[in-house]
Amino acid sequence: MVAAILNGTVIAESNNTVVVENNHYFPPESVDKSIFSESSTHTTCPWKGRASYFNATVDGQTVNDIAWYYPMAKPEASTISGYIAFYKSKVKIQV
């Protein structure tokens, strides 16, 4: 089981993450979406496509751009389309 933990709170947990470039991508249903809000940040990866970002609020503390996902990943990255990854500098990833 892999978990993403923010301020002692588990915000994502799954046995079915996909690892790409040393990042665990969590299935969307494994993430506590009640704490997330869409960020206005977007980036582009040459082989994965356009990424969108989430902010997260736990115990009154908001962390901006804590996670990213590829809503429509390019074909070579289709296994992570819609899956959510977290910045290890902002969230503890427990394996």
N, C-alpha and C. Protein backbone atom coordinates (compact mmCIF):
# COMPACT_ATOMS: atom_id res chain seq x y z
N MET A 1 0.85 -1.18 0.00
CA MET A 1 0.00 0.00 0.00
C MET A 1 0.89 1.24 0.00
N VAL A 2 0.61 2.16 -0.90
CA VAL A 2 1.32 3.43 -0.97
C VAL A 2 0.37 4.51 -0.49
N ALA A 3 0.89 5.43 0.34
CA ALA A 3 0.06 6.51 0.87
C ALA A 3 0.75 7.85 0.67
N ALA A 4 -0.05 8.88 0.43
CA ALA A 4 0.42 10.26 0.42
C ALA A 4 -0.13 10.90 1.68
N ILE A 5 0.76 11.51 2.47
CA ILE A 5 0.38 12.02 3.78
C ILE A 5 0.75 13.50 3.87
N LEU A 6 -0.21 14.32 4.28
CA LEU A 6 0.00 15.75 4.46
C LEU A 6 -0.39 16.12 5.88
N ASN A 7 0.54 16.67 6.63
CA ASN A 7 0.29 17.08 8.03
C ASN A 7 -0.32 15.95 8.85
N GLY A 8 0.15 14.72 8.63
CA GLY A 8 -0.34 13.58 9.38
C GLY A 8 -1.65 13.00 8.88
N THR A 9 -2.22 13.58 7.83
CA THR A 9 -3.48 13.12 7.27
C THR A 9 -3.22 12.38 5.96
N VAL A 10 -3.77 11.17 5.84
CA VAL A 10 -3.66 10.42 4.59
C VAL A 10 -4.59 11.06 3.58
N ILE A 11 -4.01 11.53 2.47
CA ILE A 11 -4.82 12.19 1.44
C ILE A 11 -4.98 11.34 0.18
N ALA A 12 -4.19 10.26 0.10
CA ALA A 12 -4.32 9.29 -1.00
C ALA A 12 -3.72 7.98 -0.53
N GLU A 13 -4.34 6.86 -0.97
CA GLU A 13 -3.85 5.54 -0.55
C GLU A 13 -4.28 4.51 -1.59
N SER A 14 -3.32 3.71 -2.05
CA SER A 14 -3.65 2.72 -3.08
C SER A 14 -2.61 1.62 -3.18
N ASN A 15 -3.07 0.45 -3.59
CA ASN A 15 -2.18 -0.65 -3.97
C ASN A 15 -1.92 -0.64 -5.47
N ASN A 16 -2.52 0.31 -6.17
CA ASN A 16 -2.48 0.31 -7.64
C ASN A 16 -1.86 1.58 -8.22
N THR A 17 -0.82 2.12 -7.57
CA THR A 17 -0.16 3.27 -8.15
C THR A 17 0.65 2.84 -9.36
N VAL A 18 0.92 3.79 -10.24
CA VAL A 18 1.78 3.56 -11.40
C VAL A 18 3.01 4.44 -11.20
N VAL A 19 4.20 3.85 -11.25
CA VAL A 19 5.42 4.61 -11.04
C VAL A 19 6.00 5.04 -12.39
N VAL A 20 6.16 6.35 -12.53
CA VAL A 20 6.78 6.94 -13.72
C VAL A 20 7.77 7.99 -13.25
N GLU A 21 9.00 7.87 -13.70
CA GLU A 21 10.07 8.81 -13.33
C GLU A 21 10.15 8.98 -11.81
N ASN A 22 10.10 7.87 -11.08
CA ASN A 22 10.20 7.83 -9.62
C ASN A 22 9.06 8.52 -8.89
N ASN A 23 7.95 8.77 -9.56
CA ASN A 23 6.76 9.34 -8.92
C ASN A 23 5.64 8.31 -8.93
N HIS A 24 4.95 8.19 -7.79
CA HIS A 24 3.78 7.31 -7.71
C HIS A 24 2.57 8.10 -8.18
N TYR A 25 1.91 7.60 -9.20
CA TYR A 25 0.66 8.19 -9.70
C TYR A 25 -0.49 7.37 -9.12
N PHE A 26 -1.36 8.05 -8.37
CA PHE A 26 -2.47 7.40 -7.69
C PHE A 26 -3.72 7.41 -8.57
N PRO A 27 -4.47 6.29 -8.57
CA PRO A 27 -5.75 6.29 -9.29
C PRO A 27 -6.65 7.37 -8.70
N PRO A 28 -7.45 8.05 -9.52
CA PRO A 28 -8.28 9.15 -9.02
C PRO A 28 -9.19 8.76 -7.86
N GLU A 29 -9.71 7.54 -7.87
CA GLU A 29 -10.64 7.11 -6.81
C GLU A 29 -9.93 6.88 -5.47
N SER A 30 -8.61 6.88 -5.46
CA SER A 30 -7.86 6.64 -4.21
C SER A 30 -7.48 7.93 -3.49
N VAL A 31 -7.87 9.06 -4.06
CA VAL A 31 -7.50 10.37 -3.54
C VAL A 31 -8.70 11.02 -2.87
N ASP A 32 -8.48 11.64 -1.69
CA ASP A 32 -9.55 12.35 -0.97
C ASP A 32 -9.80 13.69 -1.66
N LYS A 33 -10.69 13.70 -2.63
CA LYS A 33 -10.92 14.90 -3.43
C LYS A 33 -11.57 16.04 -2.65
N SER A 34 -12.09 15.76 -1.46
CA SER A 34 -12.75 16.81 -0.68
C SER A 34 -11.77 17.89 -0.22
N ILE A 35 -10.49 17.58 -0.20
CA ILE A 35 -9.50 18.56 0.26
C ILE A 35 -8.83 19.31 -0.89
N PHE A 36 -9.14 18.94 -2.13
CA PHE A 36 -8.45 19.52 -3.28
C PHE A 36 -9.28 20.60 -3.97
N SER A 37 -8.56 21.56 -4.54
CA SER A 37 -9.16 22.56 -5.42
C SER A 37 -8.25 22.69 -6.63
N GLU A 38 -8.85 22.98 -7.77
CA GLU A 38 -8.07 23.13 -9.00
C GLU A 38 -7.15 24.35 -8.88
N SER A 39 -5.94 24.20 -9.34
CA SER A 39 -4.98 25.29 -9.42
C SER A 39 -5.04 25.87 -10.83
N SER A 40 -4.59 27.10 -10.98
CA SER A 40 -4.52 27.69 -12.32
C SER A 40 -3.22 27.32 -13.03
N THR A 41 -2.35 26.56 -12.35
CA THR A 41 -1.06 26.17 -12.91
C THR A 41 -1.22 25.03 -13.92
N HIS A 42 -0.50 25.15 -15.01
CA HIS A 42 -0.42 24.10 -16.03
C HIS A 42 1.01 24.06 -16.55
N THR A 43 1.50 22.87 -16.83
CA THR A 43 2.82 22.70 -17.43
C THR A 43 2.69 21.69 -18.55
N THR A 44 3.73 21.60 -19.37
CA THR A 44 3.72 20.65 -20.47
C THR A 44 4.97 19.80 -20.44
N CYS A 45 4.78 18.50 -20.54
CA CYS A 45 5.87 17.54 -20.65
C CYS A 45 5.89 17.06 -22.10
N PRO A 46 7.08 17.02 -22.73
CA PRO A 46 7.14 16.61 -24.13
C PRO A 46 6.54 15.24 -24.42
N TRP A 47 6.65 14.29 -23.49
CA TRP A 47 6.14 12.95 -23.79
C TRP A 47 4.87 12.57 -23.04
N LYS A 48 4.53 13.31 -21.96
CA LYS A 48 3.30 12.99 -21.22
C LYS A 48 2.14 13.90 -21.59
N GLY A 49 2.43 15.14 -21.98
CA GLY A 49 1.37 16.06 -22.36
C GLY A 49 1.22 17.22 -21.39
N ARG A 50 0.02 17.80 -21.38
CA ARG A 50 -0.27 18.98 -20.55
C ARG A 50 -0.77 18.53 -19.18
N ALA A 51 -0.10 19.04 -18.14
CA ALA A 51 -0.46 18.70 -16.76
C ALA A 51 -1.28 19.82 -16.13
N SER A 52 -2.25 19.43 -15.32
CA SER A 52 -3.02 20.34 -14.49
C SER A 52 -2.64 20.07 -13.04
N TYR A 53 -2.90 21.05 -12.17
CA TYR A 53 -2.45 20.95 -10.78
C TYR A 53 -3.59 21.12 -9.79
N PHE A 54 -3.37 20.61 -8.59
CA PHE A 54 -4.30 20.76 -7.47
C PHE A 54 -3.61 21.48 -6.32
N ASN A 55 -4.40 22.26 -5.58
CA ASN A 55 -4.02 22.76 -4.26
C ASN A 55 -4.73 21.85 -3.27
N ALA A 56 -4.21 21.77 -2.04
CA ALA A 56 -4.86 20.95 -1.01
C ALA A 56 -4.93 21.73 0.29
N THR A 57 -6.05 21.57 1.01
CA THR A 57 -6.22 22.21 2.31
C THR A 57 -6.51 21.15 3.35
N VAL A 58 -5.63 21.09 4.36
CA VAL A 58 -5.79 20.15 5.48
C VAL A 58 -5.58 20.94 6.77
N ASP A 59 -6.51 20.81 7.70
CA ASP A 59 -6.44 21.50 8.99
C ASP A 59 -6.21 23.00 8.82
N GLY A 60 -6.88 23.59 7.85
CA GLY A 60 -6.80 25.03 7.63
C GLY A 60 -5.55 25.50 6.91
N GLN A 61 -4.65 24.60 6.58
CA GLN A 61 -3.42 24.96 5.87
C GLN A 61 -3.54 24.56 4.41
N THR A 62 -3.37 25.53 3.52
CA THR A 62 -3.43 25.25 2.08
C THR A 62 -2.02 25.15 1.52
N VAL A 63 -1.80 24.11 0.74
CA VAL A 63 -0.53 23.92 0.04
C VAL A 63 -0.84 24.01 -1.45
N ASN A 64 -0.26 25.02 -2.09
CA ASN A 64 -0.51 25.25 -3.51
C ASN A 64 0.27 24.28 -4.38
N ASP A 65 -0.33 23.90 -5.48
CA ASP A 65 0.32 23.05 -6.49
C ASP A 65 0.98 21.82 -5.86
N ILE A 66 0.25 21.15 -5.01
CA ILE A 66 0.76 19.98 -4.28
C ILE A 66 0.79 18.73 -5.15
N ALA A 67 -0.07 18.71 -6.16
CA ALA A 67 -0.22 17.50 -6.99
C ALA A 67 -0.48 17.90 -8.43
N TRP A 68 -0.16 16.97 -9.32
CA TRP A 68 -0.43 17.20 -10.73
C TRP A 68 -1.01 15.94 -11.36
N TYR A 69 -1.64 16.14 -12.50
CA TYR A 69 -2.20 15.01 -13.25
C TYR A 69 -2.30 15.40 -14.72
N TYR A 70 -2.41 14.40 -15.55
CA TYR A 70 -2.54 14.60 -16.99
C TYR A 70 -3.95 14.19 -17.39
N PRO A 71 -4.86 15.16 -17.57
CA PRO A 71 -6.25 14.81 -17.91
C PRO A 71 -6.35 13.99 -19.20
N MET A 72 -5.49 14.31 -20.15
CA MET A 72 -5.47 13.60 -21.43
C MET A 72 -4.02 13.37 -21.81
N ALA A 73 -3.38 12.43 -21.14
CA ALA A 73 -1.97 12.14 -21.41
C ALA A 73 -1.79 11.68 -22.85
N LYS A 74 -0.60 11.94 -23.36
CA LYS A 74 -0.27 11.47 -24.71
C LYS A 74 -0.29 9.94 -24.73
N PRO A 75 -0.45 9.34 -25.92
CA PRO A 75 -0.55 7.87 -26.01
C PRO A 75 0.56 7.11 -25.29
N GLU A 76 1.80 7.59 -25.37
CA GLU A 76 2.90 6.87 -24.72
C GLU A 76 2.85 6.95 -23.19
N ALA A 77 1.99 7.82 -22.65
CA ALA A 77 1.83 7.93 -21.20
C ALA A 77 0.39 7.65 -20.78
N SER A 78 -0.35 6.95 -21.61
CA SER A 78 -1.78 6.73 -21.35
C SER A 78 -2.07 6.00 -20.05
N THR A 79 -1.12 5.24 -19.52
CA THR A 79 -1.36 4.51 -18.27
C THR A 79 -1.53 5.44 -17.07
N ILE A 80 -1.09 6.70 -17.19
CA ILE A 80 -1.24 7.64 -16.07
C ILE A 80 -2.29 8.71 -16.35
N SER A 81 -3.01 8.60 -17.44
CA SER A 81 -4.04 9.58 -17.76
C SER A 81 -5.06 9.65 -16.63
N GLY A 82 -5.23 10.84 -16.05
CA GLY A 82 -6.16 11.03 -14.95
C GLY A 82 -5.62 10.67 -13.58
N TYR A 83 -4.48 9.99 -13.52
CA TYR A 83 -3.87 9.62 -12.24
C TYR A 83 -3.17 10.83 -11.63
N ILE A 84 -3.03 10.84 -10.31
CA ILE A 84 -2.55 12.01 -9.58
C ILE A 84 -1.23 11.70 -8.88
N ALA A 85 -0.24 12.58 -9.09
CA ALA A 85 1.07 12.44 -8.43
C ALA A 85 1.29 13.65 -7.52
N PHE A 86 2.13 13.46 -6.51
CA PHE A 86 2.38 14.49 -5.51
C PHE A 86 3.85 14.88 -5.47
N TYR A 87 4.10 16.15 -5.16
CA TYR A 87 5.48 16.60 -4.96
C TYR A 87 5.99 16.05 -3.65
N LYS A 88 7.09 15.32 -3.71
CA LYS A 88 7.68 14.72 -2.51
C LYS A 88 8.19 15.77 -1.54
N SER A 89 8.42 16.98 -2.01
CA SER A 89 8.85 18.07 -1.13
C SER A 89 7.68 18.66 -0.34
N LYS A 90 6.45 18.30 -0.73
CA LYS A 90 5.26 18.86 -0.08
C LYS A 90 4.43 17.82 0.65
N VAL A 91 4.61 16.55 0.29
CA VAL A 91 3.83 15.44 0.84
C VAL A 91 4.77 14.29 1.17
N LYS A 92 4.49 13.59 2.24
CA LYS A 92 5.25 12.38 2.55
C LYS A 92 4.63 11.22 1.77
N ILE A 93 5.46 10.53 1.00
CA ILE A 93 5.01 9.34 0.28
C ILE A 93 5.51 8.13 1.06
N GLN A 94 4.58 7.35 1.56
CA GLN A 94 4.91 6.17 2.36
C GLN A 94 4.64 4.92 1.55
N VAL A 95 5.68 4.11 1.38
CA VAL A 95 5.56 2.88 0.57
C VAL A 95 5.55 1.68 1.49
